[in-house]
Amino acid sequence: MKKLPLRGMRRVALVLFCTVLTLLNGSARAQKNGNTTMNTSAKAAVLIERNTGMVLLCCNENQALPMASTTKVMTALMALEKGSLEDKVTVGRNAYGVPGTSIYLSEGEQISLRDLLYGLMLASGNDAAVAIAEHIGGTVDCFCQMMTARAAELGCENTVFINPNGLPVQGHHTTALDLALIAREAMSHEEFREIVSTRRASIPWEGRGYHRILNNKNRLLSDYSGATGIKTGYTKAAGRCLVFGAQREGLEVIGVVLNCSDWFNEAARIMDLGFERYEYFTAYTAGEMVRVLPVENGTQETVAVTVARELGAPVLKGQIPTLEYDLPETLPAGMPQGQEIGEARVMLEGRTLASAPLVICDELGVRDYGYELNRFIRLWPMATESVGE
């Protein structure tokens, strides 16, 4: 939405007193300094909140490391963004016989992109990754360049993809934080969420009378309450790597551990710590009214202002956020419905935790000569009747 420059903008900060009573009960254990550093058995780890991307817990989160098959989170994201799930993929020679975990694709086999993604994310098929790369990018090298560029767009400053499957190669690396940001974007796709939360699936096996059976290697799906996925990975060079997530009581988290021997237990411990410390505060739901502003020279005297999307953020239990608004005192007529006219922010100790545009919910008609003439004509019989009486 285009934002108009408006005069007379004002900033208002309001303490959310309505939350005080519910938060005071947990104030004794509140961590008001906002320290996110944690101890971990992983070489690097991070936990973020999915909606905002805010870092909740971290350790060496910006250290560049190999990431094994968690690479395939980006491979799947590119497939969803650049391809169609119903695409028929013809398996090329390069995808046949790729070392490591495999779904045993045959050269010339035709398989849907959807089925390849299940083979990629559940069975961690290295051959499926190559087939997807060649289908989307033409060549593996071109696809990896696309992966690296897309990661940069997501704010990943220390990520380079040399292959689409995570097999060991010099220069192929990411960070725990970068990988979490990639997973966050992937989890915005419902198709991705459905795939990575599936424990067991079957896909066709061309030329055979039975299907491929795929079992998800992510033990958290069965062992951790609220788990949402996402991907395991292991090589000797990278160690055990895991991208994971869960959702409880409105708070959804995404985490990463790199080079972590007790990966599932450590992921569960990190998420437990996140859910213990944080809760999700929803200031406004999408479309909720925030203000009513007067309209200058308009066909209506006032207009309602609403938030364009949900506004909320994770906060440490016991902390009390505030709201700030940037809004004009009045609005000129002539604005279209949905025009962005300001911003609302969730604030804590001077930091912006989340923001959302504020928009008008009606078109602001201009009170001009034509409007006044039409209004007079509509009211004219009433006027003459009054005169006659």
Protein backbone atom coordinates (compact mmCIF):
# COMPACT_ATOMS: atom_id res chain seq x y z
CA MET A 1 0.00 0.00 0.00
CA LYS A 2 1.23 3.48 -0.84
CA LYS A 3 1.67 5.74 2.15
CA LEU A 4 0.70 9.40 1.68
CA PRO A 5 2.78 12.12 3.35
CA LEU A 6 0.39 13.83 5.74
CA ARG A 7 0.81 16.98 7.78
CA GLY A 8 0.07 17.17 11.47
CA MET A 9 1.21 13.64 12.30
CA ARG A 10 1.09 12.89 16.01
CA ARG A 11 2.64 10.17 18.10
CA VAL A 12 0.72 8.72 21.01
CA ALA A 13 2.06 6.18 23.49
CA LEU A 14 -0.39 4.27 25.61
CA VAL A 15 0.50 1.82 28.34
CA LEU A 16 -1.56 -1.31 28.00
CA PHE A 17 -3.00 -1.25 31.49
CA CYS A 18 -5.48 -3.94 30.57
CA THR A 19 -2.64 -6.44 30.55
CA VAL A 20 -1.25 -5.54 33.96
CA LEU A 21 -3.41 -7.85 36.01
CA THR A 22 -2.70 -10.88 33.84
CA LEU A 23 1.04 -10.23 33.74
CA LEU A 24 1.69 -9.37 37.37
CA ASN A 25 1.33 -12.99 38.43
CA GLY A 26 4.48 -13.85 36.49
CA SER A 27 6.48 -10.73 37.36
CA ALA A 28 8.62 -12.50 39.97
CA ARG A 29 10.29 -14.62 37.32
CA ALA A 30 10.33 -11.97 34.57
CA GLN A 31 13.62 -11.25 32.81
CA LYS A 32 13.34 -7.55 32.22
CA ASN A 33 16.82 -7.12 30.79
CA GLY A 34 15.79 -8.98 27.63
CA ASN A 35 18.94 -11.09 27.60
CA THR A 36 18.62 -13.76 24.89
CA THR A 37 21.93 -15.57 25.43
CA MET A 38 21.67 -19.24 26.40
CA ASN A 39 23.93 -22.18 27.08
CA THR A 40 23.61 -25.09 24.67
CA SER A 41 25.30 -28.33 23.71
CA ALA A 42 25.10 -27.25 20.05
CA LYS A 43 27.95 -25.46 18.34
CA ALA A 44 25.39 -22.84 17.33
CA ALA A 45 21.69 -22.44 18.11
CA VAL A 46 18.84 -19.98 17.88
CA LEU A 47 15.12 -19.76 18.67
CA ILE A 48 12.95 -17.15 16.94
CA GLU A 49 9.27 -16.22 17.00
CA ARG A 50 7.70 -16.98 13.64
CA ASN A 51 5.42 -13.97 13.07
CA THR A 52 7.98 -11.27 13.82
CA GLY A 53 11.28 -13.15 13.39
CA MET A 54 12.35 -11.85 16.79
CA VAL A 55 15.28 -13.71 18.39
CA LEU A 56 14.17 -15.23 21.69
CA LEU A 57 17.25 -17.34 22.55
CA CYS A 58 20.62 -17.68 20.87
CA CYS A 59 24.21 -18.90 21.06
CA ASN A 60 26.77 -18.33 18.28
CA GLU A 61 23.81 -17.67 16.00
CA ASN A 62 25.92 -15.79 13.41
CA GLN A 63 28.75 -18.34 13.12
CA ALA A 64 29.05 -19.77 9.60
CA LEU A 65 28.86 -23.56 9.65
CA PRO A 66 27.96 -26.46 7.34
CA MET A 67 24.32 -27.48 7.69
CA ALA A 68 23.98 -30.89 5.99
CA SER A 69 20.47 -31.76 4.77
CA THR A 70 18.81 -28.79 6.48
CA THR A 71 19.88 -27.19 3.19
CA LYS A 72 16.73 -28.77 1.79
CA VAL A 73 14.53 -26.24 3.57
CA MET A 74 15.71 -23.67 1.03
CA THR A 75 15.44 -26.18 -1.82
CA ALA A 76 11.80 -26.75 -0.90
CA LEU A 77 11.14 -23.02 -0.53
CA MET A 78 12.49 -22.35 -4.02
CA ALA A 79 10.37 -25.16 -5.46
CA LEU A 80 7.24 -23.69 -3.89
CA GLU A 81 8.03 -20.14 -5.01
CA LYS A 82 9.17 -20.94 -8.55
CA GLY A 83 7.26 -24.09 -9.46
CA SER A 84 3.82 -25.65 -9.29
CA LEU A 85 3.11 -28.69 -7.13
CA GLU A 86 1.40 -30.35 -10.09
CA ASP A 87 4.43 -29.95 -12.38
CA LYS A 88 5.59 -33.21 -13.94
CA VAL A 89 9.33 -33.52 -13.44
CA THR A 90 11.43 -35.72 -15.71
CA VAL A 91 14.36 -37.11 -13.73
CA GLY A 92 17.67 -36.41 -15.44
CA ARG A 93 20.93 -38.35 -15.44
CA ASN A 94 22.44 -36.16 -12.70
CA ALA A 95 19.65 -37.04 -10.26
CA TYR A 96 20.20 -40.78 -10.68
CA GLY A 97 22.54 -42.45 -8.21
CA VAL A 98 23.28 -39.38 -6.06
CA PRO A 99 25.16 -40.60 -2.96
CA GLY A 100 23.69 -40.58 0.54
CA THR A 101 20.00 -40.77 1.43
CA SER A 102 17.83 -41.41 -1.62
CA ILE A 103 14.32 -42.13 -2.82
CA TYR A 104 15.88 -44.17 -5.68
CA LEU A 105 14.80 -42.11 -8.65
CA SER A 106 15.41 -43.61 -12.10
CA GLU A 107 16.69 -41.66 -15.07
CA GLY A 108 13.74 -40.65 -17.25
CA GLU A 109 11.20 -41.28 -14.47
CA GLN A 110 8.34 -38.82 -14.36
CA ILE A 111 7.15 -37.69 -10.94
CA SER A 112 5.20 -34.68 -9.69
CA LEU A 113 6.95 -31.83 -7.92
CA ARG A 114 4.65 -32.43 -4.95
CA ASP A 115 5.84 -36.03 -4.59
CA LEU A 116 9.45 -34.94 -4.96
CA LEU A 117 8.99 -32.49 -2.10
CA TYR A 118 7.66 -35.25 0.15
CA GLY A 119 10.66 -37.37 -0.83
CA LEU A 120 12.95 -34.41 -0.17
CA MET A 121 11.64 -33.42 3.26
CA LEU A 122 10.55 -36.75 4.77
CA ALA A 123 13.11 -39.21 3.38
CA SER A 124 15.75 -36.50 2.80
CA GLY A 125 16.31 -37.68 -0.77
CA ASN A 126 19.51 -36.19 -2.16
CA ASP A 127 18.43 -37.35 -5.60
CA ALA A 128 15.09 -35.56 -5.17
CA ALA A 129 17.01 -32.35 -4.43
CA VAL A 130 18.95 -32.60 -7.70
CA ALA A 131 15.79 -33.37 -9.70
CA ILE A 132 14.08 -30.32 -8.18
CA ALA A 133 17.12 -28.11 -8.83
CA GLU A 134 17.32 -29.03 -12.50
CA HIS A 135 13.57 -28.65 -12.95
CA ILE A 136 13.45 -25.17 -11.40
CA GLY A 137 16.87 -23.77 -12.32
CA GLY A 138 17.81 -25.68 -15.47
CA THR A 139 21.11 -26.69 -13.90
CA VAL A 140 22.19 -27.35 -10.32
CA ASP A 141 24.66 -24.44 -10.47
CA CYS A 142 21.98 -21.98 -11.60
CA PHE A 143 19.58 -23.24 -8.96
CA CYS A 144 22.18 -22.80 -6.20
CA GLN A 145 22.82 -19.25 -7.35
CA MET A 146 19.06 -18.67 -7.08
CA MET A 147 19.07 -20.18 -3.59
CA THR A 148 21.89 -17.94 -2.41
CA ALA A 149 20.29 -14.83 -3.89
CA ARG A 150 16.93 -15.62 -2.31
CA ALA A 151 18.59 -16.17 1.06
CA ALA A 152 20.18 -12.72 0.77
CA GLU A 153 16.74 -11.23 0.11
CA LEU A 154 15.58 -12.77 3.38
CA GLY A 155 18.40 -11.05 5.27
CA CYS A 156 20.78 -14.02 5.36
CA GLU A 157 24.20 -12.40 5.21
CA ASN A 158 26.35 -15.50 5.82
CA THR A 159 24.73 -18.16 3.66
CA VAL A 160 26.12 -19.73 0.48
CA PHE A 161 24.62 -22.75 -1.29
CA ILE A 162 26.89 -24.86 -3.50
CA ASN A 163 24.45 -27.77 -3.85
CA PRO A 164 20.73 -28.30 -3.16
CA ASN A 165 21.07 -31.23 -0.75
CA GLY A 166 23.81 -30.40 1.77
CA LEU A 167 26.36 -33.03 0.80
CA PRO A 168 29.82 -31.92 2.04
CA VAL A 169 31.54 -29.38 -0.20
CA GLN A 170 33.86 -26.47 0.52
CA GLY A 171 32.10 -23.12 0.86
CA HIS A 172 28.60 -24.50 1.48
CA HIS A 173 27.51 -22.92 4.76
CA THR A 174 24.93 -20.94 6.71
CA THR A 175 24.35 -19.74 10.27
CA ALA A 176 21.77 -20.79 12.82
CA LEU A 177 20.02 -17.43 12.49
CA ASP A 178 20.10 -17.42 8.68
CA LEU A 179 18.66 -20.91 8.57
CA ALA A 180 15.91 -19.93 11.01
CA LEU A 181 14.97 -16.99 8.78
CA ILE A 182 14.82 -19.29 5.75
CA ALA A 183 12.61 -21.72 7.67
CA ARG A 184 10.41 -18.85 8.81
CA GLU A 185 9.74 -17.89 5.19
CA ALA A 186 9.14 -21.50 4.21
CA MET A 187 6.64 -21.92 7.04
CA SER A 188 4.57 -19.08 5.57
CA HIS A 189 3.56 -21.57 2.82
CA GLU A 190 0.72 -23.85 3.88
CA GLU A 191 1.97 -26.57 1.51
CA PHE A 192 5.35 -26.56 3.23
CA ARG A 193 3.78 -26.72 6.68
CA GLU A 194 1.67 -29.68 5.62
CA ILE A 195 4.65 -31.58 4.19
CA VAL A 196 7.05 -31.08 7.10
CA SER A 197 4.41 -31.97 9.69
CA THR A 198 3.60 -35.28 7.97
CA ARG A 199 4.99 -38.33 9.79
CA ARG A 200 4.47 -40.91 7.07
CA ALA A 201 3.51 -40.74 3.39
CA SER A 202 3.58 -42.80 0.21
CA ILE A 203 4.35 -41.59 -3.30
CA PRO A 204 4.22 -43.40 -6.66
CA TRP A 205 7.16 -45.50 -7.84
CA GLU A 206 7.11 -45.57 -11.64
CA GLY A 207 7.44 -49.04 -13.13
CA ARG A 208 6.61 -50.83 -9.89
CA GLY A 209 3.40 -52.22 -8.49
CA TYR A 210 3.83 -50.53 -5.13
CA HIS A 211 4.56 -47.06 -3.75
CA ARG A 212 7.58 -45.55 -2.08
CA ILE A 213 6.98 -45.39 1.68
CA LEU A 214 8.41 -42.26 3.30
CA ASN A 215 8.96 -41.91 7.04
CA ASN A 216 9.75 -38.55 8.58
CA LYS A 217 13.02 -38.65 10.52
CA ASN A 218 11.98 -35.79 12.81
CA ARG A 219 11.30 -37.50 16.14
CA LEU A 220 9.86 -34.31 17.63
CA LEU A 221 6.65 -34.78 15.64
CA SER A 222 5.72 -37.68 17.87
CA ASP A 223 7.56 -36.73 21.05
CA TYR A 224 6.98 -32.98 21.46
CA SER A 225 3.58 -31.40 22.08
CA GLY A 226 2.70 -28.82 19.43
CA ALA A 227 5.61 -29.71 17.12
CA THR A 228 5.28 -28.38 13.55
CA GLY A 229 8.35 -29.95 11.80
CA ILE A 230 10.80 -29.13 10.12
CA LYS A 231 14.05 -30.89 8.90
CA THR A 232 16.90 -33.06 10.07
CA GLY A 233 20.42 -33.21 8.65
CA TYR A 234 23.64 -35.09 9.27
CA THR A 235 27.10 -35.44 7.78
CA LYS A 236 30.41 -36.07 9.52
CA ALA A 237 31.53 -32.57 8.61
CA ALA A 238 28.37 -30.82 9.83
CA GLY A 239 27.42 -33.10 12.70
CA ARG A 240 23.78 -33.47 13.65
CA CYS A 241 21.75 -30.45 12.51
CA LEU A 242 18.07 -29.80 13.10
CA VAL A 243 15.55 -27.15 12.14
CA PHE A 244 12.51 -27.46 14.38
CA GLY A 245 9.34 -25.68 15.42
CA ALA A 246 6.30 -25.79 17.66
CA GLN A 247 3.21 -23.79 18.54
CA ARG A 248 1.60 -23.39 21.95
CA GLU A 249 -0.99 -20.93 23.25
CA GLY A 250 -0.63 -18.54 20.32
CA LEU A 251 3.18 -18.48 20.38
CA GLU A 252 4.89 -20.17 17.43
CA VAL A 253 8.64 -20.68 17.49
CA ILE A 254 11.25 -21.86 15.00
CA GLY A 255 14.65 -23.08 16.12
CA VAL A 256 17.94 -24.35 14.76
CA VAL A 257 20.76 -26.37 16.30
CA LEU A 258 23.95 -26.96 14.30
CA ASN A 259 26.48 -29.64 15.17
CA CYS A 260 24.54 -30.95 18.15
CA SER A 261 25.01 -34.56 19.29
CA ASP A 262 21.75 -34.70 21.31
CA TRP A 263 19.80 -32.74 18.70
CA PHE A 264 16.23 -33.77 19.54
CA ASN A 265 16.64 -33.46 23.30
CA GLU A 266 18.39 -30.12 22.97
CA ALA A 267 15.74 -28.81 20.57
CA ALA A 268 13.02 -29.81 23.05
CA ARG A 269 14.90 -28.16 25.91
CA ILE A 270 15.36 -24.92 23.96
CA MET A 271 11.68 -24.78 23.01
CA ASP A 272 10.65 -25.53 26.59
CA LEU A 273 12.79 -22.61 27.72
CA GLY A 274 11.25 -20.35 25.09
CA PHE A 275 7.68 -21.24 26.04
CA GLU A 276 8.54 -20.86 29.72
CA ARG A 277 9.96 -17.36 29.28
CA TYR A 278 7.79 -15.85 26.56
CA GLU A 279 4.16 -15.33 25.66
CA TYR A 280 2.55 -13.81 22.59
CA PHE A 281 0.83 -10.46 23.04
CA THR A 282 -1.81 -9.59 20.43
CA ALA A 283 -2.50 -5.86 20.32
CA TYR A 284 -4.94 -5.91 17.37
CA THR A 285 -6.36 -8.51 15.03
CA ALA A 286 -6.37 -7.80 11.29
CA GLY A 287 -9.06 -5.27 10.38
CA GLU A 288 -9.72 -4.19 13.98
CA MET A 289 -10.64 -0.51 14.45
CA VAL A 290 -8.05 1.69 16.13
CA ARG A 291 -9.40 5.24 15.81
CA VAL A 292 -12.13 7.39 14.25
CA LEU A 293 -10.71 10.50 12.58
CA PRO A 294 -12.53 13.62 11.30
CA VAL A 295 -12.62 14.20 7.53
CA GLU A 296 -12.07 17.68 6.06
CA ASN A 297 -14.46 18.81 3.30
CA GLY A 298 -15.74 15.27 2.82
CA THR A 299 -19.09 13.66 2.15
CA GLN A 300 -18.79 12.09 5.61
CA GLU A 301 -17.70 13.71 8.83
CA THR A 302 -15.55 10.85 10.16
CA VAL A 303 -13.87 7.64 9.03
CA ALA A 304 -12.75 4.55 10.91
CA VAL A 305 -9.03 3.66 10.92
CA THR A 306 -8.12 -0.04 11.14
CA VAL A 307 -4.94 -2.14 11.23
CA ALA A 308 -4.06 -3.70 7.88
CA ARG A 309 -2.79 -6.91 9.48
CA GLU A 310 -2.49 -8.52 12.89
CA LEU A 311 -0.28 -6.59 15.27
CA GLY A 312 1.41 -8.61 17.98
CA ALA A 313 4.76 -9.66 19.37
CA PRO A 314 6.37 -12.06 21.85
CA VAL A 315 7.20 -10.56 25.23
CA LEU A 316 8.93 -11.92 28.29
CA LYS A 317 6.36 -12.97 30.85
CA GLY A 318 5.94 -10.13 33.31
CA GLN A 319 6.83 -7.36 30.88
CA ILE A 320 4.23 -4.75 29.94
CA PRO A 321 4.44 -3.46 26.34
CA THR A 322 3.12 -0.11 25.13
CA LEU A 323 1.46 1.01 21.91
CA GLU A 324 2.52 3.94 19.78
CA TYR A 325 0.53 5.43 16.91
CA ASP A 326 1.60 7.74 14.11
CA LEU A 327 -1.62 9.35 12.88
CA PRO A 328 -2.74 12.69 11.42
CA GLU A 329 -5.15 14.89 13.37
CA THR A 330 -7.58 14.97 10.43
CA LEU A 331 -7.83 13.47 6.95
CA PRO A 332 -8.46 15.29 3.65
CA ALA A 333 -11.27 14.11 1.41
CA GLY A 334 -10.40 12.25 -1.79
CA MET A 335 -8.56 9.28 -0.31
CA PRO A 336 -9.37 5.77 -1.59
CA GLN A 337 -10.50 2.97 0.67
CA GLY A 338 -7.55 1.07 2.11
CA GLN A 339 -5.21 4.07 1.92
CA GLU A 340 -2.35 3.77 4.41
CA ILE A 341 -2.33 6.85 6.66
CA GLY A 342 -0.15 5.86 9.61
CA GLU A 343 1.37 3.11 11.69
CA ALA A 344 0.84 1.34 15.00
CA ARG A 345 3.74 -0.18 16.93
CA VAL A 346 4.19 -2.48 19.88
CA MET A 347 6.99 -0.99 21.98
CA LEU A 348 9.08 -2.21 24.89
CA GLU A 349 11.78 -0.15 26.60
CA GLY A 350 12.16 2.06 23.55
CA ARG A 351 12.41 -0.85 21.10
CA THR A 352 9.89 -1.56 18.36
CA LEU A 353 8.81 -5.19 18.68
CA ALA A 354 6.30 -5.15 15.82
CA SER A 355 4.47 -2.68 13.60
CA ALA A 356 1.47 -2.64 11.27
CA PRO A 357 0.10 -0.08 8.80
CA LEU A 358 -3.07 1.82 9.65
CA VAL A 359 -5.59 2.23 6.82
CA ILE A 360 -8.98 3.85 6.28
CA CYS A 361 -11.93 1.53 5.78
CA ASP A 362 -14.02 3.82 3.52
CA GLU A 363 -13.48 5.93 0.42
CA LEU A 364 -13.45 9.61 1.38
CA GLY A 365 -15.68 11.38 -1.13
CA VAL A 366 -15.12 15.11 -1.80
CA ARG A 367 -17.82 17.56 -0.77
CA ASP A 368 -17.69 19.62 -4.01
CA TYR A 369 -20.22 21.60 -6.07
CA GLY A 370 -21.62 18.48 -7.72
CA TYR A 371 -22.15 16.80 -4.37
CA GLU A 372 -23.91 19.86 -2.92
CA LEU A 373 -26.15 20.16 -6.00
CA ASN A 374 -27.18 16.51 -5.85
CA ARG A 375 -27.80 16.84 -2.12
CA PHE A 376 -30.01 19.91 -2.68
CA ILE A 377 -32.02 18.09 -5.36
CA ARG A 378 -32.54 15.10 -3.08
CA LEU A 379 -33.72 17.33 -0.25
CA TRP A 380 -35.70 19.77 -2.41
CA PRO A 381 -39.20 18.17 -2.03
CA MET A 382 -38.75 18.21 1.74
CA ALA A 383 -37.76 21.88 1.57
CA THR A 384 -40.83 22.91 -0.51
CA GLU A 385 -43.13 20.94 1.75
CA SER A 386 -41.81 22.86 4.74
CA VAL A 387 -42.37 26.18 2.93
CA GLY A 388 -45.96 25.22 2.03
CA GLU A 389 -46.80 24.38 5.59
